[in-house]
Amino acid sequence: MILPAIAFVLAAGLGLVHLGAVQVELADAAADAARIIGRGDPPGDAAARVAEAHRGASMGVSTRGALVCVTATAEVEAGLLGAFLHFEGTGCALDDRAAAS
Protein backbone atom coordinates (compact mmCIF):
# COMPACT_ATOMS: atom_id res chain seq x y z
CA MET A 1 0.00 0.00 0.00
CA ILE A 2 2.78 2.43 0.84
CA LEU A 3 5.05 1.51 -2.09
CA PRO A 4 2.86 3.16 -4.77
CA ALA A 5 2.78 6.36 -2.73
CA ILE A 6 6.56 6.35 -2.33
CA ALA A 7 6.98 5.73 -6.07
CA PHE A 8 4.66 8.62 -6.87
CA VAL A 9 6.49 11.01 -4.55
CA LEU A 10 9.87 10.01 -6.02
CA ALA A 11 8.60 10.42 -9.59
CA ALA A 12 7.12 13.83 -8.81
CA GLY A 13 10.36 14.92 -7.13
CA LEU A 14 12.46 13.83 -10.09
CA GLY A 15 10.08 15.65 -12.43
CA LEU A 16 10.46 18.86 -10.47
CA VAL A 17 14.25 18.53 -10.50
CA HIS A 18 14.12 18.10 -14.28
CA LEU A 19 11.98 21.22 -14.71
CA GLY A 20 14.35 23.20 -12.52
CA ALA A 21 17.29 21.99 -14.62
CA VAL A 22 15.57 23.20 -17.79
CA GLN A 23 15.23 26.68 -16.27
CA VAL A 24 18.91 26.76 -15.31
CA GLU A 25 19.99 25.48 -18.75
CA LEU A 26 17.97 28.18 -20.52
CA ALA A 27 19.35 30.97 -18.33
CA ASP A 28 22.90 29.70 -18.87
CA ALA A 29 22.40 29.42 -22.63
CA ALA A 30 20.92 32.93 -22.77
CA ALA A 31 23.95 34.36 -20.95
CA ASP A 32 26.33 32.50 -23.27
CA ALA A 33 24.40 33.67 -26.34
CA ALA A 34 24.49 37.29 -25.14
CA ARG A 35 28.27 37.08 -24.76
CA ILE A 36 28.58 35.52 -28.24
CA ILE A 37 26.57 38.31 -29.84
CA GLY A 38 28.21 41.01 -27.71
CA ARG A 39 31.69 40.12 -28.90
CA GLY A 40 30.58 40.28 -32.53
CA ASP A 41 30.41 36.58 -33.43
CA PRO A 42 27.73 35.45 -35.91
CA PRO A 43 24.20 35.36 -34.46
CA GLY A 44 23.89 31.80 -35.76
CA ASP A 45 26.47 30.72 -33.17
CA ALA A 46 24.30 32.21 -30.42
CA ALA A 47 21.18 30.52 -31.80
CA ALA A 48 23.03 27.19 -31.90
CA ARG A 49 24.03 27.59 -28.24
CA VAL A 50 20.40 28.19 -27.24
CA ALA A 51 19.17 25.28 -29.38
CA GLU A 52 21.60 22.87 -27.73
CA ALA A 53 20.36 23.88 -24.27
CA HIS A 54 16.93 22.37 -24.87
CA ARG A 55 15.29 20.85 -27.92
CA GLY A 56 12.91 23.36 -29.48
CA ALA A 57 14.33 26.37 -27.60
CA SER A 58 14.31 29.72 -29.38
CA MET A 59 15.80 33.10 -28.61
CA GLY A 60 15.06 36.79 -28.90
CA VAL A 61 17.66 39.56 -28.86
CA SER A 62 17.27 43.11 -27.54
CA THR A 63 19.62 45.95 -26.69
CA ARG A 64 19.55 48.08 -23.56
CA GLY A 65 22.04 50.88 -23.97
CA ALA A 66 25.48 49.27 -24.09
CA LEU A 67 24.08 45.83 -23.26
CA VAL A 68 22.85 43.11 -25.56
CA CYS A 69 20.27 40.83 -23.94
CA VAL A 70 19.10 37.41 -25.06
CA THR A 71 15.92 35.73 -23.89
CA ALA A 72 15.80 31.97 -24.42
CA THR A 73 12.37 30.32 -24.33
CA ALA A 74 11.16 26.73 -24.48
CA GLU A 75 7.95 24.78 -24.03
CA VAL A 76 8.47 21.69 -21.86
CA GLU A 77 6.04 18.83 -21.38
CA ALA A 78 5.28 18.33 -17.71
CA GLY A 79 5.49 14.55 -17.72
CA LEU A 80 2.43 12.76 -16.38
CA LEU A 81 0.32 15.89 -16.44
CA GLY A 82 0.55 16.11 -20.23
CA ALA A 83 0.62 19.89 -20.00
CA PHE A 84 3.23 22.11 -21.58
CA LEU A 85 4.97 24.66 -19.39
CA HIS A 86 6.65 27.81 -20.68
CA PHE A 87 10.21 28.42 -19.49
CA GLU A 88 12.30 31.50 -20.10
CA GLY A 89 15.82 32.60 -19.22
CA THR A 90 17.45 35.96 -19.88
CA GLY A 91 21.10 36.94 -19.97
CA CYS A 92 22.81 40.23 -20.81
CA ALA A 93 26.38 41.11 -21.74
CA LEU A 94 28.31 44.21 -22.72
CA ASP A 95 27.92 44.88 -26.44
CA ASP A 96 31.54 45.31 -27.52
CA ARG A 97 30.39 46.50 -30.94
CA ALA A 98 28.54 49.46 -29.37
CA ALA A 99 31.35 50.17 -26.91
CA ALA A 100 33.93 50.37 -29.71
CA SER A 101 32.07 53.17 -31.53
PDB file of N, CA and C in Angstrom:
ATOM      1  N   MET A   1       0.818  -1.192   0.000  1.00  0.00           N
ATOM      2  CA  MET A   1       0.000   0.000   0.000  1.00  0.00           C
ATOM      3  C   MET A   1       0.865   1.261   0.000  1.00  0.00           C
ATOM      4  N   ILE A   2       1.943   1.242   0.730  1.00  0.00           N
ATOM      5  CA  ILE A   2       2.780   2.430   0.836  1.00  0.00           C
ATOM      6  C   ILE A   2       3.743   2.573  -0.341  1.00  0.00           C
ATOM      7  N   LEU A   3       4.094   1.452  -0.989  1.00  0.00           N
ATOM      8  CA  LEU A   3       5.047   1.514  -2.091  1.00  0.00           C
ATOM      9  C   LEU A   3       4.565   2.363  -3.263  1.00  0.00           C
ATOM     10  N   PRO A   4       3.302   2.283  -3.695  1.00  0.00           N
ATOM     11  CA  PRO A   4       2.860   3.163  -4.774  1.00  0.00           C
ATOM     12  C   PRO A   4       2.958   4.652  -4.405  1.00  0.00           C
ATOM     13  N   ALA A   5       2.689   4.966  -3.171  1.00  0.00           N
ATOM     14  CA  ALA A   5       2.782   6.359  -2.727  1.00  0.00           C
ATOM     15  C   ALA A   5       4.232   6.840  -2.752  1.00  0.00           C
ATOM     16  N   ILE A   6       5.136   5.989  -2.315  1.00  0.00           N
ATOM     17  CA  ILE A   6       6.556   6.350  -2.333  1.00  0.00           C
ATOM     18  C   ILE A   6       7.029   6.522  -3.775  1.00  0.00           C
ATOM     19  N   ALA A   7       6.603   5.623  -4.657  1.00  0.00           N
ATOM     20  CA  ALA A   7       6.981   5.725  -6.071  1.00  0.00           C
ATOM     21  C   ALA A   7       6.453   7.017  -6.683  1.00  0.00           C
ATOM     22  N   PHE A   8       5.236   7.380  -6.346  1.00  0.00           N
ATOM     23  CA  PHE A   8       4.657   8.616  -6.871  1.00  0.00           C
ATOM     24  C   PHE A   8       5.434   9.844  -6.386  1.00  0.00           C
ATOM     25  N   VAL A   9       5.752   9.881  -5.110  1.00  0.00           N
ATOM     26  CA  VAL A   9       6.495  11.013  -4.549  1.00  0.00           C
ATOM     27  C   VAL A   9       7.872  11.113  -5.183  1.00  0.00           C
ATOM     28  N   LEU A  10       8.551   9.996  -5.373  1.00  0.00           N
ATOM     29  CA  LEU A  10       9.871  10.008  -6.019  1.00  0.00           C
ATOM     30  C   LEU A  10       9.778  10.480  -7.468  1.00  0.00           C
ATOM     31  N   ALA A  11       8.771  10.001  -8.201  1.00  0.00           N
ATOM     32  CA  ALA A  11       8.601  10.416  -9.594  1.00  0.00           C
ATOM     33  C   ALA A  11       8.294  11.904  -9.686  1.00  0.00           C
ATOM     34  N   ALA A  12       7.444  12.399  -8.810  1.00  0.00           N
ATOM     35  CA  ALA A  12       7.122  13.827  -8.808  1.00  0.00           C
ATOM     36  C   ALA A  12       8.356  14.660  -8.463  1.00  0.00           C
ATOM     37  N   GLY A  13       9.136  14.199  -7.506  1.00  0.00           N
ATOM     38  CA  GLY A  13      10.358  14.917  -7.132  1.00  0.00           C
ATOM     39  C   GLY A  13      11.356  14.965  -8.268  1.00  0.00           C
ATOM     40  N   LEU A  14      11.539  13.836  -8.951  1.00  0.00           N
ATOM     41  CA  LEU A  14      12.459  13.826 -10.094  1.00  0.00           C
ATOM     42  C   LEU A  14      11.955  14.726 -11.217  1.00  0.00           C
ATOM     43  N   GLY A  15      10.654  14.762 -11.420  1.00  0.00           N
ATOM     44  CA  GLY A  15      10.084  15.651 -12.435  1.00  0.00           C
ATOM     45  C   GLY A  15      10.345  17.108 -12.119  1.00  0.00           C
ATOM     46  N   LEU A  16      10.202  17.478 -10.867  1.00  0.00           N
ATOM     47  CA  LEU A  16      10.462  18.864 -10.465  1.00  0.00           C
ATOM     48  C   LEU A  16      11.938  19.221 -10.623  1.00  0.00           C
ATOM     49  N   VAL A  17      12.817  18.286 -10.315  1.00  0.00           N
ATOM     50  CA  VAL A  17      14.247  18.526 -10.503  1.00  0.00           C
ATOM     51  C   VAL A  17      14.549  18.738 -11.982  1.00  0.00           C
ATOM     52  N   HIS A  18      13.919  17.934 -12.838  1.00  0.00           N
ATOM     53  CA  HIS A  18      14.124  18.097 -14.285  1.00  0.00           C
ATOM     54  C   HIS A  18      13.651  19.471 -14.755  1.00  0.00           C
ATOM     55  N   LEU A  19      12.495  19.906 -14.299  1.00  0.00           N
ATOM     56  CA  LEU A  19      11.981  21.216 -14.714  1.00  0.00           C
ATOM     57  C   LEU A  19      12.885  22.343 -14.216  1.00  0.00           C
ATOM     58  N   GLY A  20      13.411  22.211 -13.022  1.00  0.00           N
ATOM     59  CA  GLY A  20      14.355  23.204 -12.519  1.00  0.00           C
ATOM     60  C   GLY A  20      15.626  23.230 -13.342  1.00  0.00           C
ATOM     61  N   ALA A  21      16.083  22.061 -13.787  1.00  0.00           N
ATOM     62  CA  ALA A  21      17.287  21.991 -14.617  1.00  0.00           C
ATOM     63  C   ALA A  21      17.061  22.667 -15.961  1.00  0.00           C
ATOM     64  N   VAL A  22      15.875  22.532 -16.520  1.00  0.00           N
ATOM     65  CA  VAL A  22      15.568  23.205 -17.791  1.00  0.00           C
ATOM     66  C   VAL A  22      15.683  24.716 -17.623  1.00  0.00           C
ATOM     67  N   GLN A  23      15.159  25.234 -16.523  1.00  0.00           N
ATOM     68  CA  GLN A  23      15.228  26.678 -16.270  1.00  0.00           C
ATOM     69  C   GLN A  23      16.683  27.137 -16.174  1.00  0.00           C
ATOM     70  N   VAL A  24      17.498  26.400 -15.463  1.00  0.00           N
ATOM     71  CA  VAL A  24      18.912  26.762 -15.310  1.00  0.00           C
ATOM     72  C   VAL A  24      19.633  26.675 -16.653  1.00  0.00           C
ATOM     73  N   GLU A  25      19.359  25.631 -17.438  1.00  0.00           N
ATOM     74  CA  GLU A  25      19.991  25.480 -18.747  1.00  0.00           C
ATOM     75  C   GLU A  25      19.636  26.634 -19.672  1.00  0.00           C
ATOM     76  N   LEU A  26      18.377  27.068 -19.657  1.00  0.00           N
ATOM     77  CA  LEU A  26      17.971  28.183 -20.520  1.00  0.00           C
ATOM     78  C   LEU A  26      18.638  29.486 -20.093  1.00  0.00           C
ATOM     79  N   ALA A  27      18.699  29.740 -18.801  1.00  0.00           N
ATOM     80  CA  ALA A  27      19.349  30.966 -18.325  1.00  0.00           C
ATOM     81  C   ALA A  27      20.832  30.959 -18.671  1.00  0.00           C
ATOM     82  N   ASP A  28      21.485  29.815 -18.534  1.00  0.00           N
ATOM     83  CA  ASP A  28      22.902  29.698 -18.867  1.00  0.00           C
ATOM     84  C   ASP A  28      23.126  29.889 -20.364  1.00  0.00           C
ATOM     85  N   ALA A  29      22.279  29.282 -21.172  1.00  0.00           N
ATOM     86  CA  ALA A  29      22.401  29.423 -22.626  1.00  0.00           C
ATOM     87  C   ALA A  29      22.150  30.858 -23.060  1.00  0.00           C
ATOM     88  N   ALA A  30      21.194  31.528 -22.433  1.00  0.00           N
ATOM     89  CA  ALA A  30      20.917  32.929 -22.771  1.00  0.00           C
ATOM     90  C   ALA A  30      22.123  33.812 -22.451  1.00  0.00           C
ATOM     91  N   ALA A  31      22.760  33.579 -21.312  1.00  0.00           N
ATOM     92  CA  ALA A  31      23.946  34.357 -20.948  1.00  0.00           C
ATOM     93  C   ALA A  31      25.087  34.097 -21.926  1.00  0.00           C
ATOM     94  N   ASP A  32      25.292  32.831 -22.294  1.00  0.00           N
ATOM     95  CA  ASP A  32      26.333  32.501 -23.271  1.00  0.00           C
ATOM     96  C   ASP A  32      26.039  33.159 -24.617  1.00  0.00           C
ATOM     97  N   ALA A  33      24.782  33.085 -25.054  1.00  0.00           N
ATOM     98  CA  ALA A  33      24.401  33.668 -26.344  1.00  0.00           C
ATOM     99  C   ALA A  33      24.587  35.182 -26.338  1.00  0.00           C
ATOM    100  N   ALA A  34      24.287  35.835 -25.231  1.00  0.00           N
ATOM    101  CA  ALA A  34      24.486  37.287 -25.143  1.00  0.00           C
ATOM    102  C   ALA A  34      25.971  37.629 -25.272  1.00  0.00           C
ATOM    103  N   ARG A  35      26.825  36.847 -24.636  1.00  0.00           N
ATOM    104  CA  ARG A  35      28.267  37.082 -24.765  1.00  0.00           C
ATOM    105  C   ARG A  35      28.739  36.847 -26.193  1.00  0.00           C
ATOM    106  N   ILE A  36      28.204  35.816 -26.849  1.00  0.00           N
ATOM    107  CA  ILE A  36      28.577  35.522 -28.236  1.00  0.00           C
ATOM    108  C   ILE A  36      28.222  36.688 -29.138  1.00  0.00           C
ATOM    109  N   ILE A  37      27.008  37.188 -29.007  1.00  0.00           N
ATOM    110  CA  ILE A  37      26.568  38.313 -29.843  1.00  0.00           C
ATOM    111  C   ILE A  37      27.327  39.578 -29.469  1.00  0.00           C
ATOM    112  N   GLY A  38      27.530  39.799 -28.177  1.00  0.00           N
ATOM    113  CA  GLY A  38      28.207  41.005 -27.713  1.00  0.00           C
ATOM    114  C   GLY A  38      29.626  41.139 -28.218  1.00  0.00           C
ATOM    115  N   ARG A  39      30.304  40.026 -28.404  1.00  0.00           N
ATOM    116  CA  ARG A  39      31.691  40.117 -28.895  1.00  0.00           C
ATOM    117  C   ARG A  39      31.766  40.150 -30.414  1.00  0.00           C
ATOM    118  N   GLY A  40      30.612  40.100 -31.082  1.00  0.00           N
ATOM    119  CA  GLY A  40      30.576  40.277 -32.531  1.00  0.00           C
ATOM    120  C   GLY A  40      30.605  38.994 -33.341  1.00  0.00           C
ATOM    121  N   ASP A  41      30.458  37.847 -32.699  1.00  0.00           N
ATOM    122  CA  ASP A  41      30.406  36.581 -33.434  1.00  0.00           C
ATOM    123  C   ASP A  41      29.068  36.477 -34.162  1.00  0.00           C
ATOM    124  N   PRO A  42      28.978  35.582 -35.147  1.00  0.00           N
ATOM    125  CA  PRO A  42      27.728  35.450 -35.906  1.00  0.00           C
ATOM    126  C   PRO A  42      26.546  35.085 -35.007  1.00  0.00           C
ATOM    127  N   PRO A  43      25.380  35.685 -35.255  1.00  0.00           N
ATOM    128  CA  PRO A  43      24.197  35.364 -34.461  1.00  0.00           C
ATOM    129  C   PRO A  43      23.802  33.889 -34.544  1.00  0.00           C
ATOM    130  N   GLY A  44      24.185  33.227 -35.630  1.00  0.00           N
ATOM    131  CA  GLY A  44      23.893  31.800 -35.759  1.00  0.00           C
ATOM    132  C   GLY A  44      24.586  30.976 -34.689  1.00  0.00           C
ATOM    133  N   ASP A  45      25.771  31.420 -34.251  1.00  0.00           N
ATOM    134  CA  ASP A  45      26.473  30.724 -33.168  1.00  0.00           C
ATOM    135  C   ASP A  45      25.678  30.833 -31.864  1.00  0.00           C
ATOM    136  N   ALA A  46      25.111  32.006 -31.630  1.00  0.00           N
ATOM    137  CA  ALA A  46      24.302  32.210 -30.424  1.00  0.00           C
ATOM    138  C   ALA A  46      23.034  31.364 -30.481  1.00  0.00           C
ATOM    139  N   ALA A  47      22.399  31.317 -31.646  1.00  0.00           N
ATOM    140  CA  ALA A  47      21.182  30.517 -31.801  1.00  0.00           C
ATOM    141  C   ALA A  47      21.481  29.032 -31.605  1.00  0.00           C
ATOM    142  N   ALA A  48      22.647  28.592 -32.079  1.00  0.00           N
ATOM    143  CA  ALA A  48      23.025  27.189 -31.902  1.00  0.00           C
ATOM    144  C   ALA A  48      23.233  26.871 -30.427  1.00  0.00           C
ATOM    145  N   ARG A  49      23.811  27.804 -29.680  1.00  0.00           N
ATOM    146  CA  ARG A  49      24.028  27.585 -28.244  1.00  0.00           C
ATOM    147  C   ARG A  49      22.693  27.442 -27.514  1.00  0.00           C
ATOM    148  N   VAL A  50      21.722  28.270 -27.870  1.00  0.00           N
ATOM    149  CA  VAL A  50      20.396  28.186 -27.240  1.00  0.00           C
ATOM    150  C   VAL A  50      19.706  26.880 -27.640  1.00  0.00           C
ATOM    151  N   ALA A  51      19.829  26.503 -28.906  1.00  0.00           N
ATOM    152  CA  ALA A  51      19.174  25.277 -29.382  1.00  0.00           C
ATOM    153  C   ALA A  51      19.742  24.036 -28.712  1.00  0.00           C
ATOM    154  N   GLU A  52      21.019  24.053 -28.377  1.00  0.00           N
ATOM    155  CA  GLU A  52      21.595  22.871 -27.726  1.00  0.00           C
ATOM    156  C   GLU A  52      21.228  22.793 -26.239  1.00  0.00           C
ATOM    157  N   ALA A  53      20.760  23.882 -25.669  1.00  0.00           N
ATOM    158  CA  ALA A  53      20.360  23.876 -24.265  1.00  0.00           C
ATOM    159  C   ALA A  53      19.112  23.025 -24.054  1.00  0.00           C
ATOM    160  N   HIS A  54      18.155  23.154 -24.972  1.00  0.00           N
ATOM    161  CA  HIS A  54      16.931  22.366 -24.872  1.00  0.00           C
ATOM    162  C   HIS A  54      16.315  22.259 -26.258  1.00  0.00           C
ATOM    163  N   ARG A  55      15.878  21.061 -26.607  1.00  0.00           N
ATOM    164  CA  ARG A  55      15.286  20.847 -27.923  1.00  0.00           C
ATOM    165  C   ARG A  55      14.063  21.755 -28.098  1.00  0.00           C
ATOM    166  N   GLY A  56      14.034  22.485 -29.198  1.00  0.00           N
ATOM    167  CA  GLY A  56      12.911  23.365 -29.483  1.00  0.00           C
ATOM    168  C   GLY A  56      13.030  24.755 -28.872  1.00  0.00           C
ATOM    169  N   ALA A  57      14.145  25.042 -28.207  1.00  0.00           N
ATOM    170  CA  ALA A  57      14.326  26.369 -27.605  1.00  0.00           C
ATOM    171  C   ALA A  57      14.572  27.405 -28.693  1.00  0.00           C
ATOM    172  N   SER A  58      14.093  28.611 -28.446  1.00  0.00           N
ATOM    173  CA  SER A  58      14.315  29.720 -29.376  1.00  0.00           C
ATOM    174  C   SER A  58      14.810  30.919 -28.579  1.00  0.00           C
ATOM    175  N   MET A  59      15.255  31.941 -29.310  1.00  0.00           N
ATOM    176  CA  MET A  59      15.797  33.102 -28.613  1.00  0.00           C
ATOM    177  C   MET A  59      15.324  34.392 -29.253  1.00  0.00           C
ATOM    178  N   GLY A  60      15.327  35.438 -28.451  1.00  0.00           N
ATOM    179  CA  GLY A  60      15.058  36.791 -28.900  1.00  0.00           C
ATOM    180  C   GLY A  60      16.186  37.683 -28.410  1.00  0.00           C
ATOM    181  N   VAL A  61      16.538  38.680 -29.198  1.00  0.00           N
ATOM    182  CA  VAL A  61      17.655  39.563 -28.863  1.00  0.00           C
ATOM    183  C   VAL A  61      17.140  40.992 -28.743  1.00  0.00           C
ATOM    184  N   SER A  62      17.603  41.696 -27.712  1.00  0.00           N
ATOM    185  CA  SER A  62      17.269  43.106 -27.545  1.00  0.00           C
ATOM    186  C   SER A  62      18.511  43.839 -27.041  1.00  0.00           C
ATOM    187  N   THR A  63      18.509  45.150 -27.200  1.00  0.00           N
ATOM    188  CA  THR A  63      19.617  45.953 -26.686  1.00  0.00           C
ATOM    189  C   THR A  63      19.080  46.923 -25.645  1.00  0.00           C
ATOM    190  N   ARG A  64      19.887  47.143 -24.635  1.00  0.00           N
ATOM    191  CA  ARG A  64      19.546  48.079 -23.564  1.00  0.00           C
ATOM    192  C   ARG A  64      20.772  48.950 -23.335  1.00  0.00           C
ATOM    193  N   GLY A  65      20.863  50.016 -24.069  1.00  0.00           N
ATOM    194  CA  GLY A  65      22.040  50.876 -23.966  1.00  0.00           C
ATOM    195  C   GLY A  65      23.252  50.151 -24.506  1.00  0.00           C
ATOM    196  N   ALA A  66      24.262  49.950 -23.665  1.00  0.00           N
ATOM    197  CA  ALA A  66      25.482  49.270 -24.085  1.00  0.00           C
ATOM    198  C   ALA A  66      25.419  47.766 -23.827  1.00  0.00           C
ATOM    199  N   LEU A  67      24.233  47.261 -23.511  1.00  0.00           N
ATOM    200  CA  LEU A  67      24.076  45.832 -23.257  1.00  0.00           C
ATOM    201  C   LEU A  67      23.297  45.179 -24.384  1.00  0.00           C
ATOM    202  N   VAL A  68      23.658  43.947 -24.678  1.00  0.00           N
ATOM    203  CA  VAL A  68      22.851  43.108 -25.561  1.00  0.00           C
ATOM    204  C   VAL A  68      22.274  42.007 -24.671  1.00  0.00           C
ATOM    205  N   CYS A  69      20.957  41.810 -24.785  1.00  0.00           N
ATOM    206  CA  CYS A  69      20.269  40.828 -23.940  1.00  0.00           C
ATOM    207  C   CYS A  69      19.608  39.762 -24.815  1.00  0.00           C
ATOM    208  N   VAL A  70      19.708  38.544 -24.367  1.00  0.00           N
ATOM    209  CA  VAL A  70      19.099  37.413 -25.065  1.00  0.00           C
ATOM    210  C   VAL A  70      18.111  36.753 -24.112  1.00  0.00           C
ATOM    211  N   THR A  71      16.927  36.470 -24.637  1.00  0.00           N
ATOM    212  CA  THR A  71      15.922  35.728 -23.888  1.00  0.00           C
ATOM    213  C   THR A  71      15.714  34.400 -24.597  1.00  0.00           C
ATOM    214  N   ALA A  72      15.994  33.316 -23.888  1.00  0.00           N
ATOM    215  CA  ALA A  72      15.801  31.967 -24.421  1.00  0.00           C
ATOM    216  C   ALA A  72      14.493  31.425 -23.873  1.00  0.00           C
ATOM    217  N   THR A  73      13.667  30.855 -24.740  1.00  0.00           N
ATOM    218  CA  THR A  73      12.373  30.319 -24.330  1.00  0.00           C
ATOM    219  C   THR A  73      12.217  28.882 -24.826  1.00  0.00           C
ATOM    220  N   ALA A  74      11.449  28.111 -24.082  1.00  0.00           N
ATOM    221  CA  ALA A  74      11.156  26.731 -24.476  1.00  0.00           C
ATOM    222  C   ALA A  74       9.848  26.291 -23.844  1.00  0.00           C
ATOM    223  N   GLU A  75       9.161  25.425 -24.554  1.00  0.00           N
ATOM    224  CA  GLU A  75       7.955  24.777 -24.032  1.00  0.00           C
ATOM    225  C   GLU A  75       8.364  23.364 -23.622  1.00  0.00           C
ATOM    226  N   VAL A  76       8.054  22.986 -22.396  1.00  0.00           N
ATOM    227  CA  VAL A  76       8.466  21.691 -21.862  1.00  0.00           C
ATOM    228  C   VAL A  76       7.238  20.926 -21.409  1.00  0.00           C
ATOM    229  N   GLU A  77       7.161  19.660 -21.817  1.00  0.00           N
ATOM    230  CA  GLU A  77       6.041  18.826 -21.385  1.00  0.00           C
ATOM    231  C   GLU A  77       6.247  18.438 -19.924  1.00  0.00           C
ATOM    232  N   ALA A  78       5.203  18.578 -19.145  1.00  0.00           N
ATOM    233  CA  ALA A  78       5.284  18.332 -17.707  1.00  0.00           C
ATOM    234  C   ALA A  78       4.963  16.885 -17.361  1.00  0.00           C
ATOM    235  N   GLY A  79       5.572  15.971 -18.056  1.00  0.00           N
ATOM    236  CA  GLY A  79       5.486  14.550 -17.724  1.00  0.00           C
ATOM    237  C   GLY A  79       4.087  13.992 -17.667  1.00  0.00           C
ATOM    238  N   LEU A  80       3.714  13.447 -16.527  1.00  0.00           N
ATOM    239  CA  LEU A  80       2.435  12.756 -16.376  1.00  0.00           C
ATOM    240  C   LEU A  80       1.234  13.677 -16.543  1.00  0.00           C
ATOM    241  N   LEU A  81       1.435  14.956 -16.315  1.00  0.00           N
ATOM    242  CA  LEU A  81       0.317  15.890 -16.441  1.00  0.00           C
ATOM    243  C   LEU A  81      -0.083  16.101 -17.888  1.00  0.00           C
ATOM    244  N   GLY A  82       0.842  15.917 -18.823  1.00  0.00           N
ATOM    245  CA  GLY A  82       0.552  16.106 -20.228  1.00  0.00           C
ATOM    246  C   GLY A  82       0.460  17.562 -20.630  1.00  0.00           C
ATOM    247  N   ALA A  83       0.688  18.462 -19.707  1.00  0.00           N
ATOM    248  CA  ALA A  83       0.616  19.892 -20.001  1.00  0.00           C
ATOM    249  C   ALA A  83       1.988  20.394 -20.447  1.00  0.00           C
ATOM    250  N   PHE A  84       1.987  21.483 -21.181  1.00  0.00           N
ATOM    251  CA  PHE A  84       3.229  22.112 -21.583  1.00  0.00           C
ATOM    252  C   PHE A  84       3.435  23.363 -20.742  1.00  0.00           C
ATOM    253  N   LEU A  85       4.616  23.501 -20.208  1.00  0.00           N
ATOM    254  CA  LEU A  85       4.968  24.659 -19.388  1.00  0.00           C
ATOM    255  C   LEU A  85       5.937  25.532 -20.157  1.00  0.00           C
ATOM    256  N   HIS A  86       5.791  26.842 -19.992  1.00  0.00           N
ATOM    257  CA  HIS A  86       6.647  27.806 -20.678  1.00  0.00           C
ATOM    258  C   HIS A  86       7.798  28.188 -19.746  1.00  0.00           C
ATOM    259  N   PHE A  87       9.029  28.033 -20.244  1.00  0.00           N
ATOM    260  CA  PHE A  87      10.211  28.419 -19.488  1.00  0.00           C
ATOM    261  C   PHE A  87      10.968  29.486 -20.252  1.00  0.00           C
ATOM    262  N   GLU A  88      11.606  30.365 -19.501  1.00  0.00           N
ATOM    263  CA  GLU A  88      12.303  31.499 -20.103  1.00  0.00           C
ATOM    264  C   GLU A  88      13.516  31.850 -19.247  1.00  0.00           C
ATOM    265  N   GLY A  89      14.621  32.146 -19.920  1.00  0.00           N
ATOM    266  CA  GLY A  89      15.823  32.595 -19.223  1.00  0.00           C
ATOM    267  C   GLY A  89      16.425  33.769 -19.969  1.00  0.00           C
ATOM    268  N   THR A  90      16.893  34.766 -19.255  1.00  0.00           N
ATOM    269  CA  THR A  90      17.454  35.960 -19.878  1.00  0.00           C
ATOM    270  C   THR A  90      18.870  36.183 -19.379  1.00  0.00           C
ATOM    271  N   GLY A  91      19.733  36.596 -20.312  1.00  0.00           N
ATOM    272  CA  GLY A  91      21.103  36.943 -19.965  1.00  0.00           C
ATOM    273  C   GLY A  91      21.532  38.162 -20.752  1.00  0.00           C
ATOM    274  N   CYS A  92      22.326  39.017 -20.157  1.00  0.00           N
ATOM    275  CA  CYS A  92      22.811  40.228 -20.812  1.00  0.00           C
ATOM    276  C   CYS A  92      24.335  40.284 -20.733  1.00  0.00           C
ATOM    277  N   ALA A  93      24.926  40.937 -21.714  1.00  0.00           N
ATOM    278  CA  ALA A  93      26.376  41.108 -21.740  1.00  0.00           C
ATOM    279  C   ALA A  93      26.685  42.455 -22.390  1.00  0.00           C
ATOM    280  N   LEU A  94      27.867  42.961 -22.110  1.00  0.00           N
ATOM    281  CA  LEU A  94      28.310  44.211 -22.723  1.00  0.00           C
ATOM    282  C   LEU A  94      28.424  44.020 -24.225  1.00  0.00           C
ATOM    283  N   ASP A  95      27.856  44.942 -24.976  1.00  0.00           N
ATOM    284  CA  ASP A  95      27.921  44.883 -26.438  1.00  0.00           C
ATOM    285  C   ASP A  95      29.218  45.564 -26.863  1.00  0.00           C
ATOM    286  N   ASP A  96      30.237  44.763 -27.134  1.00  0.00           N
ATOM    287  CA  ASP A  96      31.544  45.309 -27.518  1.00  0.00           C
ATOM    288  C   ASP A  96      31.474  46.106 -28.807  1.00  0.00           C
ATOM    289  N   ARG A  97      30.537  45.756 -29.684  1.00  0.00           N
ATOM    290  CA  ARG A  97      30.386  46.499 -30.941  1.00  0.00           C
ATOM    291  C   ARG A  97      29.929  47.928 -30.660  1.00  0.00           C
ATOM    292  N   ALA A  98      29.026  48.112 -29.706  1.00  0.00           N
ATOM    293  CA  ALA A  98      28.537  49.457 -29.365  1.00  0.00           C
ATOM    294  C   ALA A  98      29.579  50.219 -28.574  1.00  0.00           C
ATOM    295  N   ALA A  99      30.339  49.522 -27.726  1.00  0.00           N
ATOM    296  CA  ALA A  99      31.354  50.174 -26.910  1.00  0.00           C
ATOM    297  C   ALA A  99      32.531  50.667 -27.740  1.00  0.00           C
ATOM    298  N   ALA A 100      32.802  49.998 -28.865  1.00  0.00           N
ATOM    299  CA  ALA A 100      33.930  50.368 -29.711  1.00  0.00           C
ATOM    300  C   ALA A 100      33.660  51.651 -30.490  1.00  0.00           C
ATOM    301  N   SER A 101      32.380  51.972 -30.726  1.00  0.00           N
ATOM    302  CA  SER A 101      32.075  53.172 -31.531  1.00  0.00           C
ATOM    303  C   SER A 101      31.891  54.411 -30.711  1.00  0.00           C
TER     304      SER A 101
END
